[in-house]
Protein backbone atom coordinates (compact mmCIF):
# COMPACT_ATOMS: atom_id res chain seq x y z
CA MET A 1 -1.99 7.64 -1.58
CA GLU A 2 -1.00 9.60 1.94
CA ARG A 3 1.63 8.46 4.14
CA ILE A 4 1.14 9.62 7.55
CA ILE A 5 2.92 9.67 11.18
CA ILE A 6 0.96 8.38 13.91
CA ILE A 7 2.28 9.30 17.56
CA ASP A 8 1.50 7.82 20.07
CA HIS A 9 2.07 10.07 23.31
CA ASN A 10 1.42 7.61 25.21
CA GLU A 11 3.33 4.95 24.81
CA HIS A 12 5.99 7.38 22.61
CA ARG A 13 5.87 5.06 19.40
CA PHE A 14 5.20 6.77 15.96
CA TYR A 15 3.54 4.20 13.68
CA ILE A 16 4.07 5.62 9.57
CA GLU A 17 0.95 4.27 7.23
CA ASP A 18 0.46 4.30 3.73
CA VAL A 19 -3.53 4.35 3.23
CA SER A 20 -4.31 4.99 -0.21
CA ASP A 21 -6.97 6.83 -1.48
CA GLU A 22 -10.02 3.72 -1.40
CA VAL A 23 -9.29 3.16 1.97
CA LEU A 24 -9.42 6.74 3.00
CA ALA A 25 -13.54 6.87 1.41
CA LYS A 26 -14.67 4.57 3.52
CA TYR A 27 -13.88 7.44 5.94
CA ASN A 28 -14.86 10.55 3.96
CA GLY A 29 -11.60 11.22 3.36
CA GLU A 30 -10.81 12.20 6.59
CA GLU A 31 -8.02 11.18 7.51
CA GLU A 32 -8.65 11.41 11.00
CA GLU A 33 -11.50 8.92 10.80
CA PHE A 34 -9.32 6.71 9.70
CA ILE A 35 -7.13 6.55 12.71
CA LYS A 36 -10.17 7.19 15.25
CA ASN A 37 -11.55 3.66 13.79
CA ASN A 38 -8.40 1.68 13.05
CA TYR A 39 -5.70 2.94 16.30
CA ASP A 40 -6.79 2.51 20.50
CA PHE A 41 -5.36 6.22 20.64
CA GLU A 42 -6.16 8.53 24.01
CA ASN A 43 -3.50 10.87 22.41
CA TYR A 44 -1.89 11.31 20.29
CA SER A 45 -1.26 13.42 17.01
CA TRP A 46 -0.78 12.52 13.22
CA ASP A 47 0.56 14.20 10.40
CA TYR A 48 1.62 13.66 6.98
CA VAL A 49 5.09 12.60 5.79
CA THR A 50 6.60 12.51 2.61
CA GLY A 51 10.60 11.15 4.07
CA GLY A 52 13.40 10.92 7.42
CA ALA A 53 16.03 10.36 8.37
CA TYR A 54 17.54 8.60 11.92
CA MET A 55 20.44 9.56 13.57
CA ARG A 56 22.50 6.54 16.12
CA GLU A 57 24.00 8.47 18.91
CA ASN A 58 27.65 7.78 17.79
CA ASP A 59 26.32 9.10 13.53
CA GLU A 60 27.89 12.22 12.23
CA GLU A 61 25.01 12.16 9.92
CA PHE A 62 21.55 11.59 9.28
CA ASN A 63 20.21 7.89 7.54
CA GLU A 64 17.76 8.38 5.69
CA ILE A 65 14.38 5.90 5.34
CA ASN A 66 14.30 4.32 2.45
CA PHE A 67 10.35 3.00 3.28
CA GLU A 68 9.84 1.47 0.06
CA ARG A 69 12.11 -1.15 1.75
CA ILE A 70 10.72 -1.36 4.71
């Protein structure tokens, strides 16, 4: 399983998706091919992600994002 983050630069949105090895096998194990076949972005970038954190405007520290609870 790979957890990837895809950033749609035109809409200024990001997407995080867990993609199984079985699904990636349909795309020759290529994450880029998976994205091209499943998303309709013109201008995007992507990478692997293992964790995340978010800071609201008046917070003093980052809040960890728990991907297992989302």
